[in-house]
């Protein structure tokens, strides 16, 4: 067992040293290996450990074994007679691992680090148990086979780009504790049709599958695959979404007499018709962002 462990760690260390530029901030040392997971002890006194890597990268990059595996992050793990609670999946732990078919994160894990599962492009099923509270920046970015994600009610933070480039996701529904979602969370989600948040959320709400802040003064994101008309409420004064060229919208309307401020630096494809009150057409035509649309009076 010891020889096998040392061999796996040596192989993994060699692989990570060669590919360090691809796994920024990834742990190069692990305390022990259990199954296909590498662990690092975070706190010996509190008996806490994190998943800091996977031997599946060795299978993939060195052994050229591209078989698909179901990965389960346990709530606890034993090492040298001690039991450690698994609380964290570290930054970049599985980044670029193409051997993962499904992922289950058991209760007890609270933190999923940035880019933890980025570009795991065969991953097609993710289950996050109750207890997960934090999903870091780009945590699941580029998981192109992923059709859906189960979010626990304990989830409170979703980082920038967390599900960007997940091209097969059609719907995302967030629990009430998530207080903020950056538009980049959904960037490149070409199949996304609806975004919803649980009733009782203090900072956001979903109207017809489109995400706004609670007061409907900010349009946070319209799903890229939405192909029905978007009616922007007159209360909206700020738009965070860029209306990228890949979006399927063909028309929208805005009844605000003052063009909403758009924080995005790009977007506004020319084939989208924008209906505005006749008396304010000139205001929209003179706006740097809204002038990119085909402006039509009503």
Protein backbone atom coordinates (compact mmCIF):
# COMPACT_ATOMS: atom_id res chain seq x y z
CA UNK A 1 0.00 0.00 0.00
CA UNK A 2 2.82 2.41 0.94
CA UNK A 3 4.73 1.68 -2.26
CA UNK A 4 1.58 2.24 -4.32
CA UNK A 5 0.88 5.51 -2.52
CA UNK A 6 4.42 6.79 -3.03
CA UNK A 7 4.30 5.77 -6.69
CA UNK A 8 1.03 7.61 -7.30
CA UNK A 9 2.20 10.73 -5.51
CA UNK A 10 5.48 10.68 -7.47
CA UNK A 11 3.64 10.34 -10.78
CA UNK A 12 1.20 13.07 -9.86
CA UNK A 13 3.98 15.39 -8.74
CA UNK A 14 5.86 14.83 -11.99
CA UNK A 15 2.74 15.52 -14.01
CA UNK A 16 1.90 18.68 -12.08
CA UNK A 17 5.47 19.97 -12.34
CA UNK A 18 5.38 19.58 -16.11
CA UNK A 19 1.91 21.11 -16.40
CA UNK A 20 2.08 23.75 -13.66
CA UNK A 21 1.14 26.51 -16.08
CA UNK A 22 -2.18 24.75 -16.71
CA UNK A 23 -3.06 24.37 -13.03
CA UNK A 24 -2.30 27.70 -11.42
CA UNK A 25 -2.33 27.52 -7.62
CA UNK A 26 -2.93 23.75 -7.67
CA UNK A 27 -1.45 21.89 -4.74
CA UNK A 28 1.77 20.11 -5.67
CA UNK A 29 1.81 18.09 -2.45
CA UNK A 30 -0.83 15.82 -0.93
CA UNK A 31 -0.76 14.14 2.47
CA UNK A 32 -2.41 10.92 1.32
CA UNK A 33 -4.42 9.24 -1.41
CA UNK A 34 -7.68 7.36 -0.99
CA UNK A 35 -9.19 5.77 -4.07
CA UNK A 36 -8.83 8.30 -6.87
CA UNK A 37 -8.79 11.32 -4.55
CA UNK A 38 -5.79 13.13 -3.09
CA UNK A 39 -6.18 14.73 0.33
CA UNK A 40 -4.37 17.42 2.28
CA UNK A 41 -4.85 17.85 6.02
CA UNK A 42 -6.00 21.39 6.78
CA UNK A 43 -6.12 21.22 10.58
CA UNK A 44 -4.90 18.25 12.60
CA UNK A 45 -6.49 19.53 15.80
CA UNK A 46 -9.91 20.20 14.26
CA UNK A 47 -9.55 17.03 12.14
CA UNK A 48 -10.29 18.80 8.84
CA UNK A 49 -9.05 17.85 5.39
CA UNK A 50 -9.55 18.97 1.81
CA UNK A 51 -9.64 17.21 -1.54
CA UNK A 52 -6.57 18.72 -3.15
CA UNK A 53 -6.28 16.71 -6.36
CA UNK A 54 -7.03 13.46 -8.13
CA UNK A 55 -5.03 10.53 -9.48
CA UNK A 56 -7.37 10.58 -12.49
CA UNK A 57 -5.03 13.17 -13.98
CA UNK A 58 -2.27 10.58 -13.80
CA UNK A 59 -4.54 8.08 -15.55
CA UNK A 60 -5.37 10.67 -18.17
CA UNK A 61 -2.05 12.33 -18.87
CA UNK A 62 0.55 9.65 -18.14
CA UNK A 63 -1.19 6.30 -18.53
CA UNK A 64 -3.36 7.61 -21.39
CA UNK A 65 -6.37 5.94 -19.79
CA UNK A 66 -9.49 7.88 -20.75
CA UNK A 67 -12.07 5.68 -19.05
CA UNK A 68 -14.86 7.63 -17.33
CA UNK A 69 -15.34 7.52 -13.57
CA UNK A 70 -18.04 8.51 -11.09
CA UNK A 71 -16.46 10.72 -8.42
CA UNK A 72 -17.84 11.07 -4.92
CA UNK A 73 -16.38 13.61 -2.49
CA UNK A 74 -16.89 12.00 0.95
CA UNK A 75 -17.92 13.77 4.13
CA UNK A 76 -15.03 12.14 6.00
CA UNK A 77 -11.88 10.13 5.37
CA UNK A 78 -9.50 8.09 7.55
CA UNK A 79 -5.72 8.30 7.61
CA UNK A 80 -3.33 6.65 10.09
CA UNK A 81 -6.12 5.80 12.47
CA UNK A 82 -7.58 9.32 12.50
CA UNK A 83 -10.86 10.41 10.92
CA UNK A 84 -10.90 13.79 9.18
CA UNK A 85 -13.96 15.77 8.13
CA UNK A 86 -13.72 16.76 4.47
CA UNK A 87 -14.74 20.41 4.27
CA UNK A 88 -13.16 21.70 1.07
CA UNK A 89 -12.44 20.97 -2.57
CA UNK A 90 -9.36 23.05 -3.31
CA UNK A 91 -8.74 25.46 -6.17
CA UNK A 92 -8.07 23.66 -9.48
CA UNK A 93 -8.35 20.23 -7.82
CA UNK A 94 -9.95 18.54 -10.85
CA UNK A 95 -9.33 21.22 -13.45
CA UNK A 96 -9.02 19.80 -16.95
CA UNK A 97 -9.81 16.26 -15.81
CA UNK A 98 -11.70 14.65 -18.69
CA UNK A 99 -12.17 11.31 -16.91
CA UNK A 100 -15.10 12.39 -14.74
CA UNK A 101 -18.59 11.32 -15.74
CA UNK A 102 -20.55 12.25 -12.61
CA UNK A 103 -19.89 14.11 -9.37
CA UNK A 104 -21.47 13.79 -5.94
CA UNK A 105 -20.39 16.12 -3.15
CA UNK A 106 -21.56 14.69 0.15
CA UNK A 107 -22.80 16.65 3.16
CA UNK A 108 -20.06 18.18 5.27
CA UNK A 109 -18.23 19.78 2.35
CA UNK A 110 -18.90 23.52 2.50
CA UNK A 111 -16.43 25.04 0.05
CA UNK A 112 -15.69 24.35 -3.63
CA UNK A 113 -12.69 26.37 -4.75
CA UNK A 114 -12.16 28.36 -7.91
CA UNK A 115 -11.75 26.37 -11.13
CA UNK A 116 -12.15 23.18 -9.08
CA UNK A 117 -13.90 21.37 -11.95
CA UNK A 118 -13.20 23.75 -14.81
CA UNK A 119 -13.04 22.13 -18.27
CA UNK A 120 -14.15 18.70 -17.04
CA UNK A 121 -15.89 18.38 -20.37
CA UNK A 122 -17.32 14.86 -19.92
CA UNK A 123 -18.96 15.69 -16.60
CA UNK A 124 -22.72 15.27 -17.15
CA UNK A 125 -24.17 14.98 -13.66
CA UNK A 126 -23.50 17.09 -10.55
CA UNK A 127 -25.15 16.68 -7.16
CA UNK A 128 -24.22 19.04 -4.33
CA UNK A 129 -25.57 17.87 -0.98
CA UNK A 130 -26.91 20.16 1.74
CA UNK A 131 -24.02 21.91 3.43
CA UNK A 132 -22.25 23.29 0.37
CA UNK A 133 -22.25 27.07 0.84
CA UNK A 134 -19.55 28.37 -1.51
CA UNK A 135 -18.89 27.73 -5.19
CA UNK A 136 -15.84 29.65 -6.38
CA UNK A 137 -15.01 31.56 -9.54
CA UNK A 138 -15.09 29.37 -12.68
CA UNK A 139 -15.72 26.30 -10.50
CA UNK A 140 -17.64 24.47 -13.25
CA UNK A 141 -16.73 26.64 -16.24
CA UNK A 142 -16.38 24.76 -19.50
CA UNK A 143 -18.26 21.65 -18.34
CA UNK A 144 -19.81 21.45 -21.77
CA UNK A 145 -21.66 18.14 -21.25
CA UNK A 146 -23.42 19.28 -18.08
CA UNK A 147 -27.22 19.53 -18.58
CA UNK A 148 -28.25 20.62 -15.06
CA UNK A 149 -27.02 21.19 -11.51
CA UNK A 150 -28.71 20.45 -8.19
CA UNK A 151 -28.13 23.33 -5.76
CA UNK A 152 -28.61 22.81 -2.00
CA UNK A 153 -30.56 25.34 0.03
CA UNK A 154 -27.36 26.07 1.97
CA UNK A 155 -25.66 27.59 -1.07
CA UNK A 156 -24.91 31.26 -0.35
CA UNK A 157 -22.14 32.30 -2.75
CA UNK A 158 -21.59 31.67 -6.47
CA UNK A 159 -18.42 33.15 -7.94
CA UNK A 160 -17.83 34.89 -11.26
CA UNK A 161 -17.95 32.62 -14.28
CA UNK A 162 -18.93 29.64 -12.12
CA UNK A 163 -21.01 28.03 -14.90
CA UNK A 164 -19.72 29.93 -17.91
CA UNK A 165 -19.32 27.95 -21.14
CA UNK A 166 -21.65 25.22 -19.86
CA UNK A 167 -23.26 24.98 -23.26
CA UNK A 168 -25.86 22.28 -22.45
CA UNK A 169 -27.47 23.75 -19.34
CA UNK A 170 -31.06 24.79 -20.06
CA UNK A 171 -32.17 26.06 -16.65
CA UNK A 172 -30.55 27.22 -13.43
CA UNK A 173 -32.45 27.73 -10.19
CA UNK A 174 -30.74 29.28 -7.18
CA UNK A 175 -31.75 29.10 -3.51
CA UNK A 176 -32.76 32.10 -1.45
CA UNK A 177 -29.41 32.50 0.34
CA UNK A 178 -27.55 33.44 -2.86
CA UNK A 179 -27.50 37.22 -2.61
CA UNK A 180 -25.54 38.12 -5.74
CA UNK A 181 -24.96 36.67 -9.21
CA UNK A 182 -22.59 38.26 -11.69
CA UNK A 183 -23.67 38.07 -15.37
CA UNK A 184 -20.42 36.19 -16.06
CA UNK A 185 -21.85 33.20 -14.17
CA UNK A 186 -23.94 32.49 -17.28
CA UNK A 187 -21.56 33.67 -20.01
CA UNK A 188 -21.47 31.31 -22.98
CA UNK A 189 -24.38 29.19 -21.72
CA UNK A 190 -25.83 28.93 -25.22
CA UNK A 191 -28.72 26.60 -24.26
CA UNK A 192 -29.81 28.47 -21.13
CA UNK A 193 -33.51 29.34 -21.33
CA UNK A 194 -34.47 30.32 -17.78
CA UNK A 195 -32.83 31.63 -14.62
CA UNK A 196 -34.84 31.47 -11.41
CA UNK A 197 -34.24 32.28 -7.76
CA UNK A 198 -36.18 30.90 -4.85
CA UNK A 199 -38.93 33.05 -3.35
CA UNK A 200 -37.69 34.82 -0.28
CA UNK A 201 -34.40 35.89 -1.84
CA UNK A 202 -33.65 39.31 -0.39
CA UNK A 203 -31.66 40.73 -3.31
CA UNK A 204 -32.84 39.13 -6.55
CA UNK A 205 -35.93 37.94 -8.35
CA UNK A 206 -36.76 36.20 -11.59
CA UNK A 207 -39.45 37.54 -13.92
CA UNK A 208 -40.39 35.24 -16.79
CA UNK A 209 -37.03 33.49 -16.51
CA UNK A 210 -35.01 36.74 -16.60
CA UNK A 211 -32.89 37.75 -13.61
CA UNK A 212 -33.34 41.17 -11.94
CA UNK A 213 -32.42 42.67 -8.61
CA UNK A 214 -35.20 42.72 -6.02
CA UNK A 215 -36.42 46.22 -6.89
CA UNK A 216 -36.28 45.54 -10.66
CA UNK A 217 -34.00 48.52 -11.16
CA UNK A 218 -31.21 46.32 -12.58
CA UNK A 219 -31.45 43.71 -15.30
CA UNK A 220 -28.74 41.23 -14.27
CA UNK A 221 -29.02 38.62 -17.02
CA UNK A 222 -31.33 37.40 -19.77
CA UNK A 223 -30.71 33.75 -20.73
CA UNK A 224 -28.90 33.43 -24.06
CA UNK A 225 -31.33 30.84 -25.47
CA UNK A 226 -34.45 32.91 -24.77
CA UNK A 227 -36.16 33.37 -28.15
CA UNK A 228 -39.30 35.23 -27.11
CA UNK A 229 -39.57 39.00 -26.82
CA UNK A 230 -38.06 40.61 -23.74
CA UNK A 231 -40.05 43.43 -22.15
CA UNK A 232 -37.76 45.43 -19.89
CA UNK A 233 -39.74 47.04 -17.04
CA UNK A 234 -39.77 50.85 -16.99
CA UNK A 235 -38.20 50.67 -13.52
CA UNK A 236 -34.91 49.34 -14.93
CA UNK A 237 -32.19 51.99 -14.96
CA UNK A 238 -29.15 49.69 -15.11
CA UNK A 239 -28.37 46.69 -17.33
CA UNK A 240 -25.46 44.39 -16.44
CA UNK A 241 -25.91 41.99 -19.36
CA UNK A 242 -24.25 42.61 -22.73
CA UNK A 243 -26.83 41.07 -25.12
CA UNK A 244 -24.03 39.02 -26.75
CA UNK A 245 -24.08 38.20 -30.45
CA UNK A 246 -24.88 34.58 -29.56
CA UNK A 247 -28.18 35.41 -27.85
CA UNK A 248 -31.36 34.28 -29.62
CA UNK A 249 -33.45 37.38 -28.90
CA UNK A 250 -34.94 39.03 -31.95
CA UNK A 251 -36.77 41.89 -30.26
CA UNK A 252 -37.18 43.66 -26.96
CA UNK A 253 -38.89 46.75 -25.64
CA UNK A 254 -37.93 49.35 -23.11
CA UNK A 255 -40.43 51.93 -21.92
CA UNK A 256 -38.02 53.97 -19.83
CA UNK A 257 -37.72 57.51 -21.14
CA UNK A 258 -34.08 57.59 -20.09
CA UNK A 259 -31.98 54.85 -21.72
CA UNK A 260 -30.80 52.44 -19.00
CA UNK A 261 -27.10 52.60 -18.25
CA UNK A 262 -25.33 49.49 -19.57
CA UNK A 263 -22.22 48.42 -17.69
CA UNK A 264 -21.16 45.86 -20.32
CA UNK A 265 -18.51 46.99 -22.79
CA UNK A 266 -19.68 44.92 -25.75
CA UNK A 267 -22.87 43.51 -27.25
CA UNK A 268 -25.98 44.83 -28.87
CA UNK A 269 -26.11 42.78 -32.09
CA UNK A 270 -27.64 44.76 -34.96
CA UNK A 271 -30.35 42.21 -35.78
CA UNK A 272 -32.27 42.82 -32.53
CA UNK A 273 -35.19 45.22 -32.76
CA UNK A 274 -35.58 47.61 -29.85
CA UNK A 275 -39.05 49.14 -29.36
CA UNK A 276 -39.10 52.40 -27.40
CA UNK A 277 -41.64 55.22 -26.95
CA UNK A 278 -41.71 57.46 -30.01
CA UNK A 279 -40.88 60.59 -28.04
CA UNK A 280 -37.55 59.18 -26.79
CA UNK A 281 -36.25 57.52 -29.99
CA UNK A 282 -33.53 60.15 -30.38
CA UNK A 283 -32.26 59.54 -26.83
CA UNK A 284 -31.72 55.84 -27.60
CA UNK A 285 -30.22 56.58 -31.01
CA UNK A 286 -27.63 58.81 -29.37
CA UNK A 287 -26.73 56.29 -26.70
CA UNK A 288 -23.45 54.46 -27.45
CA UNK A 289 -24.81 51.04 -26.44
CA UNK A 290 -28.48 51.17 -27.47
CA UNK A 291 -27.71 52.71 -30.86
CA UNK A 292 -26.38 49.27 -31.92
CA UNK A 293 -29.94 47.95 -31.97
CA UNK A 294 -32.56 48.45 -34.69
CA UNK A 295 -34.58 51.11 -32.87
CA UNK A 296 -38.29 51.17 -33.61
CA UNK A 297 -40.84 53.61 -32.16
CA UNK A 298 -44.21 52.56 -30.75
